[in-house]
Structures are given as C-alpha cells and as structure tokens.
Amino acid sequence: MSYYTSLTHLKYDRAVKMIDAVSELFIITTAGHVLAKRKYKHDIKVNTTEMFMAKLQDSEQILPHFVSNHFKFNELDGVQFCQIRRQQIYFVAACKKGTSPIFVIEILTR
C-alpha cells in the first residue's frame, strides 16, 4: 500500500467517524423552508426541523448556546443542534448527547 493510498484511507476513516456522530444534517432558510435534509441514524424520533424552527422563532436569547462567530450549539429536549448561519440560510446538524461540538462544526464548515 502506497503512502497516498494509506493517507486517503485515513481521511475516509476520519470522515466516517465524524458522520457517525451526527444523526441528521439539514439546510433550512430563516423562513423555515427545508432545502436539503439527510438522516444518517434513526436515533432521534422527533421532527428535528420543526423543533429547531419553533425554538429559533420563540427567541434566540432564551436558548443556551456556545457562540464563536457564526457557530451556535444548542441543546433542546435531549437533541443537540449545531448550526452555522450564512446570510439567510442555516446549516444544521442534529445529534444526541455526548457528541463533540468541534467534530460537528468541522463537518458543517466543509
């Protein structure tokens, strides 16, 4: 196995581990229109897009969050949401408790 092949294999393994940490990824507008949605694991039984938009529209100040520039990490009813807002679009990852926020932010920024 060449160096390039082993390096590519390591990158693939890391990507699989990162995606395994996320239950669902979706892209949603500030108006609530879902542009894209993908479920990777079926461990979250609630409709995450509706729950995310309802809590977001209630008040962003009530939500506990970790903020670094445009990144936010919220926990709502046992589901963790990590979102990045770019203009009028949210890139959101939903996952269960215990997921590393840095891994999720890395997924969303790629």
N, C-alpha and C. Protein backbone atom coordinates (compact mmCIF):
# COMPACT_ATOMS: atom_id res chain seq x y z
N MET A 1 0.85 -1.17 0.00
CA MET A 1 0.00 0.00 0.00
C MET A 1 0.90 1.24 0.00
N SER A 2 0.64 2.12 -0.93
CA SER A 2 1.46 3.32 -1.03
C SER A 2 1.09 4.33 0.05
N TYR A 3 1.93 5.34 0.19
CA TYR A 3 1.69 6.38 1.18
C TYR A 3 0.40 7.12 0.87
N TYR A 4 0.17 7.43 -0.41
CA TYR A 4 -1.03 8.17 -0.81
C TYR A 4 -2.29 7.35 -0.51
N THR A 5 -2.25 6.06 -0.80
CA THR A 5 -3.41 5.20 -0.54
C THR A 5 -3.71 5.12 0.94
N SER A 6 -2.68 4.98 1.77
CA SER A 6 -2.92 4.90 3.21
C SER A 6 -3.43 6.23 3.75
N LEU A 7 -2.93 7.34 3.21
CA LEU A 7 -3.40 8.66 3.65
C LEU A 7 -4.86 8.87 3.26
N THR A 8 -5.23 8.46 2.06
CA THR A 8 -6.63 8.57 1.62
C THR A 8 -7.52 7.70 2.49
N HIS A 9 -7.05 6.51 2.84
CA HIS A 9 -7.82 5.61 3.69
C HIS A 9 -8.03 6.22 5.08
N LEU A 10 -7.00 6.86 5.63
CA LEU A 10 -7.14 7.52 6.93
C LEU A 10 -8.14 8.66 6.87
N LYS A 11 -8.12 9.45 5.80
CA LYS A 11 -9.09 10.53 5.65
C LYS A 11 -10.51 9.98 5.58
N TYR A 12 -10.70 8.86 4.87
CA TYR A 12 -12.01 8.24 4.75
C TYR A 12 -12.48 7.74 6.12
N ASP A 13 -11.62 7.09 6.87
CA ASP A 13 -11.98 6.60 8.21
C ASP A 13 -12.38 7.74 9.12
N ARG A 14 -11.66 8.85 9.06
CA ARG A 14 -12.00 10.01 9.89
C ARG A 14 -13.36 10.57 9.49
N ALA A 15 -13.63 10.64 8.19
CA ALA A 15 -14.92 11.16 7.72
C ALA A 15 -16.06 10.26 8.17
N VAL A 16 -15.87 8.96 8.13
CA VAL A 16 -16.91 8.02 8.58
C VAL A 16 -17.17 8.19 10.06
N LYS A 17 -16.13 8.35 10.87
CA LYS A 17 -16.32 8.55 12.31
C LYS A 17 -17.04 9.86 12.60
N MET A 18 -16.74 10.90 11.82
CA MET A 18 -17.39 12.19 12.03
C MET A 18 -18.87 12.11 11.68
N ILE A 19 -19.19 11.48 10.55
CA ILE A 19 -20.59 11.36 10.15
C ILE A 19 -21.34 10.45 11.11
N ASP A 20 -20.68 9.45 11.68
CA ASP A 20 -21.33 8.55 12.63
C ASP A 20 -21.77 9.29 13.89
N ALA A 21 -21.15 10.40 14.20
CA ALA A 21 -21.52 11.18 15.38
C ALA A 21 -22.78 12.01 15.16
N VAL A 22 -23.14 12.26 13.91
CA VAL A 22 -24.28 13.12 13.58
C VAL A 22 -25.48 12.26 13.19
N SER A 23 -26.64 12.59 13.75
CA SER A 23 -27.85 11.86 13.42
C SER A 23 -28.53 12.40 12.17
N GLU A 24 -28.47 13.72 12.00
CA GLU A 24 -29.19 14.34 10.89
C GLU A 24 -28.53 15.66 10.50
N LEU A 25 -28.45 15.91 9.21
CA LEU A 25 -27.98 17.18 8.68
C LEU A 25 -29.10 17.80 7.86
N PHE A 26 -29.30 19.11 8.00
CA PHE A 26 -30.27 19.77 7.13
C PHE A 26 -29.88 21.21 6.89
N ILE A 27 -30.36 21.72 5.76
CA ILE A 27 -30.16 23.11 5.37
C ILE A 27 -31.54 23.73 5.32
N ILE A 28 -31.72 24.83 6.06
CA ILE A 28 -33.03 25.44 6.20
C ILE A 28 -32.90 26.96 6.10
N THR A 29 -33.90 27.59 5.51
CA THR A 29 -33.89 29.05 5.41
C THR A 29 -34.45 29.65 6.68
N THR A 30 -34.26 30.95 6.84
CA THR A 30 -34.81 31.62 8.03
C THR A 30 -36.33 31.65 8.00
N ALA A 31 -36.92 31.47 6.82
CA ALA A 31 -38.38 31.41 6.70
C ALA A 31 -38.93 30.03 7.07
N GLY A 32 -38.06 29.04 7.23
CA GLY A 32 -38.48 27.71 7.63
C GLY A 32 -38.58 26.71 6.50
N HIS A 33 -38.14 27.06 5.30
CA HIS A 33 -38.17 26.15 4.17
C HIS A 33 -36.95 25.24 4.21
N VAL A 34 -37.18 23.93 4.16
CA VAL A 34 -36.09 22.96 4.18
C VAL A 34 -35.57 22.79 2.76
N LEU A 35 -34.30 23.11 2.55
CA LEU A 35 -33.69 22.98 1.24
C LEU A 35 -33.11 21.59 1.02
N ALA A 36 -32.54 21.01 2.05
CA ALA A 36 -31.97 19.66 1.97
C ALA A 36 -32.00 19.05 3.36
N LYS A 37 -32.19 17.72 3.41
CA LYS A 37 -32.24 17.03 4.69
C LYS A 37 -31.74 15.60 4.48
N ARG A 38 -30.91 15.14 5.41
CA ARG A 38 -30.39 13.77 5.32
C ARG A 38 -30.29 13.18 6.72
N LYS A 39 -30.95 12.02 6.93
CA LYS A 39 -30.85 11.30 8.19
C LYS A 39 -29.78 10.23 8.05
N TYR A 40 -28.84 10.22 8.97
CA TYR A 40 -27.79 9.21 8.97
C TYR A 40 -28.08 8.11 9.97
N LYS A 41 -28.68 8.47 11.08
CA LYS A 41 -29.05 7.49 12.10
C LYS A 41 -30.50 7.77 12.48
N HIS A 42 -31.19 6.76 12.92
CA HIS A 42 -32.60 6.91 13.29
C HIS A 42 -32.78 6.87 14.81
N ASP A 43 -31.87 7.53 15.53
CA ASP A 43 -31.96 7.54 16.98
C ASP A 43 -32.75 8.72 17.52
N ILE A 44 -33.09 9.67 16.69
CA ILE A 44 -33.92 10.81 17.09
C ILE A 44 -35.30 10.62 16.46
N LYS A 45 -36.31 10.50 17.30
CA LYS A 45 -37.65 10.16 16.82
C LYS A 45 -38.51 11.37 16.51
N VAL A 46 -38.13 12.56 16.95
CA VAL A 46 -38.95 13.75 16.75
C VAL A 46 -38.60 14.42 15.42
N ASN A 47 -39.48 15.30 14.94
CA ASN A 47 -39.21 16.07 13.73
C ASN A 47 -38.26 17.20 14.10
N THR A 48 -37.01 17.05 13.78
CA THR A 48 -35.99 17.99 14.23
C THR A 48 -36.10 19.35 13.55
N THR A 49 -36.51 19.37 12.29
CA THR A 49 -36.59 20.67 11.61
C THR A 49 -37.68 21.54 12.21
N GLU A 50 -38.83 20.95 12.51
CA GLU A 50 -39.92 21.73 13.13
C GLU A 50 -39.53 22.18 14.54
N MET A 51 -38.90 21.29 15.30
CA MET A 51 -38.49 21.63 16.66
C MET A 51 -37.44 22.75 16.63
N PHE A 52 -36.50 22.66 15.71
CA PHE A 52 -35.45 23.67 15.59
C PHE A 52 -36.05 25.03 15.24
N MET A 53 -36.92 25.08 14.25
CA MET A 53 -37.51 26.36 13.83
C MET A 53 -38.43 26.95 14.89
N ALA A 54 -39.19 26.10 15.59
CA ALA A 54 -40.08 26.61 16.64
C ALA A 54 -39.27 27.26 17.76
N LYS A 55 -38.21 26.61 18.20
CA LYS A 55 -37.38 27.17 19.26
C LYS A 55 -36.62 28.41 18.78
N LEU A 56 -36.21 28.41 17.53
CA LEU A 56 -35.48 29.55 16.98
C LEU A 56 -36.38 30.77 16.86
N GLN A 57 -37.63 30.56 16.47
CA GLN A 57 -38.56 31.67 16.31
C GLN A 57 -39.07 32.19 17.64
N ASP A 58 -39.11 31.33 18.68
CA ASP A 58 -39.54 31.79 20.00
C ASP A 58 -38.65 32.93 20.47
N SER A 59 -37.39 32.64 20.61
CA SER A 59 -36.44 33.68 21.00
C SER A 59 -35.05 33.08 21.02
N GLU A 60 -34.14 33.67 20.30
CA GLU A 60 -32.77 33.18 20.30
C GLU A 60 -32.07 33.48 21.62
N GLN A 61 -32.55 34.46 22.38
CA GLN A 61 -31.90 34.82 23.63
C GLN A 61 -32.17 33.81 24.73
N ILE A 62 -33.26 33.06 24.64
CA ILE A 62 -33.60 32.09 25.68
C ILE A 62 -32.73 30.84 25.55
N LEU A 63 -32.32 30.51 24.34
CA LEU A 63 -31.58 29.28 24.10
C LEU A 63 -30.17 29.35 24.70
N PRO A 64 -29.76 28.32 25.44
CA PRO A 64 -28.37 28.28 25.88
C PRO A 64 -27.51 27.92 24.67
N HIS A 65 -26.42 28.62 24.47
CA HIS A 65 -25.62 28.31 23.30
C HIS A 65 -24.15 28.67 23.50
N PHE A 66 -23.35 27.98 22.73
CA PHE A 66 -21.92 28.26 22.64
C PHE A 66 -21.75 29.05 21.35
N VAL A 67 -21.23 30.25 21.45
CA VAL A 67 -21.14 31.11 20.28
C VAL A 67 -19.68 31.41 19.97
N SER A 68 -19.29 31.20 18.76
CA SER A 68 -17.99 31.60 18.26
C SER A 68 -18.20 32.07 16.83
N ASN A 69 -18.22 33.35 16.64
CA ASN A 69 -18.56 33.96 15.35
C ASN A 69 -19.98 33.56 14.94
N HIS A 70 -20.11 32.70 13.93
CA HIS A 70 -21.43 32.32 13.44
C HIS A 70 -21.87 30.95 13.95
N PHE A 71 -21.11 30.33 14.82
CA PHE A 71 -21.42 28.98 15.27
C PHE A 71 -22.27 29.03 16.54
N LYS A 72 -23.27 28.17 16.61
CA LYS A 72 -24.06 28.04 17.83
C LYS A 72 -24.28 26.56 18.09
N PHE A 73 -24.29 26.20 19.36
CA PHE A 73 -24.52 24.82 19.76
C PHE A 73 -25.60 24.83 20.82
N ASN A 74 -26.79 24.37 20.48
CA ASN A 74 -27.94 24.39 21.38
C ASN A 74 -28.35 22.98 21.75
N GLU A 75 -28.91 22.83 22.95
CA GLU A 75 -29.49 21.56 23.35
C GLU A 75 -30.97 21.78 23.64
N LEU A 76 -31.82 21.07 22.92
CA LEU A 76 -33.26 21.20 23.08
C LEU A 76 -33.88 19.82 23.23
N ASP A 77 -34.50 19.56 24.36
CA ASP A 77 -35.22 18.30 24.60
C ASP A 77 -34.38 17.06 24.30
N GLY A 78 -33.13 17.07 24.73
CA GLY A 78 -32.28 15.90 24.56
C GLY A 78 -31.61 15.80 23.20
N VAL A 79 -31.87 16.74 22.31
CA VAL A 79 -31.25 16.76 20.99
C VAL A 79 -30.33 17.97 20.93
N GLN A 80 -29.10 17.74 20.49
CA GLN A 80 -28.16 18.84 20.34
C GLN A 80 -28.18 19.34 18.90
N PHE A 81 -28.25 20.65 18.75
CA PHE A 81 -28.22 21.27 17.43
C PHE A 81 -26.97 22.13 17.33
N CYS A 82 -26.23 21.94 16.27
CA CYS A 82 -25.11 22.81 15.97
C CYS A 82 -25.44 23.48 14.65
N GLN A 83 -25.44 24.81 14.65
CA GLN A 83 -25.84 25.49 13.43
C GLN A 83 -24.84 26.57 13.05
N ILE A 84 -24.76 26.78 11.76
CA ILE A 84 -23.98 27.87 11.20
C ILE A 84 -24.93 28.66 10.32
N ARG A 85 -24.98 29.96 10.54
CA ARG A 85 -25.85 30.80 9.72
C ARG A 85 -25.00 31.58 8.72
N ARG A 86 -25.37 31.45 7.47
CA ARG A 86 -24.75 32.20 6.38
C ARG A 86 -25.86 32.97 5.68
N GLN A 87 -25.89 34.26 5.86
CA GLN A 87 -26.92 35.16 5.35
C GLN A 87 -28.30 34.69 5.81
N GLN A 88 -29.13 34.15 4.94
CA GLN A 88 -30.49 33.74 5.31
C GLN A 88 -30.64 32.22 5.38
N ILE A 89 -29.53 31.50 5.47
CA ILE A 89 -29.57 30.04 5.45
C ILE A 89 -28.85 29.48 6.67
N TYR A 90 -29.48 28.49 7.31
CA TYR A 90 -28.87 27.76 8.42
C TYR A 90 -28.39 26.40 7.93
N PHE A 91 -27.17 26.04 8.28
CA PHE A 91 -26.64 24.70 8.08
C PHE A 91 -26.65 24.06 9.46
N VAL A 92 -27.46 23.01 9.64
CA VAL A 92 -27.72 22.48 10.98
C VAL A 92 -27.39 20.99 11.03
N ALA A 93 -26.78 20.58 12.13
CA ALA A 93 -26.55 19.17 12.43
C ALA A 93 -27.26 18.86 13.74
N ALA A 94 -28.03 17.78 13.74
CA ALA A 94 -28.72 17.32 14.94
C ALA A 94 -28.08 16.02 15.40
N CYS A 95 -27.83 15.91 16.71
CA CYS A 95 -27.21 14.71 17.25
C CYS A 95 -27.65 14.50 18.69
N LYS A 96 -27.38 13.32 19.20
CA LYS A 96 -27.70 13.01 20.59
C LYS A 96 -26.61 13.57 21.49
N LYS A 97 -26.86 13.49 22.79
CA LYS A 97 -25.88 14.00 23.77
C LYS A 97 -24.56 13.24 23.66
N GLY A 98 -23.49 13.95 23.99
CA GLY A 98 -22.18 13.32 24.02
C GLY A 98 -21.38 13.48 22.75
N THR A 99 -21.89 14.21 21.78
CA THR A 99 -21.16 14.43 20.54
C THR A 99 -20.26 15.65 20.69
N SER A 100 -19.07 15.55 20.17
CA SER A 100 -18.11 16.65 20.27
C SER A 100 -18.51 17.80 19.34
N PRO A 101 -18.68 19.01 19.88
CA PRO A 101 -19.05 20.15 19.04
C PRO A 101 -18.02 20.47 17.97
N ILE A 102 -16.75 20.24 18.25
CA ILE A 102 -15.71 20.55 17.28
C ILE A 102 -15.82 19.67 16.04
N PHE A 103 -16.13 18.38 16.24
CA PHE A 103 -16.34 17.49 15.09
C PHE A 103 -17.50 17.98 14.24
N VAL A 104 -18.59 18.36 14.88
CA VAL A 104 -19.78 18.79 14.15
C VAL A 104 -19.52 20.09 13.40
N ILE A 105 -18.83 21.02 14.03
CA ILE A 105 -18.50 22.28 13.35
C ILE A 105 -17.60 22.02 12.16
N GLU A 106 -16.69 21.07 12.29
CA GLU A 106 -15.81 20.73 11.17
C GLU A 106 -16.62 20.17 10.00
N ILE A 107 -17.62 19.35 10.28
CA ILE A 107 -18.49 18.81 9.23
C ILE A 107 -19.24 19.94 8.53
N LEU A 108 -19.80 20.85 9.31
CA LEU A 108 -20.62 21.91 8.74
C LEU A 108 -19.82 22.94 7.95
N THR A 109 -18.57 23.12 8.29
CA THR A 109 -17.78 24.13 7.59
C THR A 109 -17.13 23.61 6.31
N ARG A 110 -17.19 22.32 6.07
CA ARG A 110 -16.59 21.76 4.85
C ARG A 110 -17.48 21.91 3.66
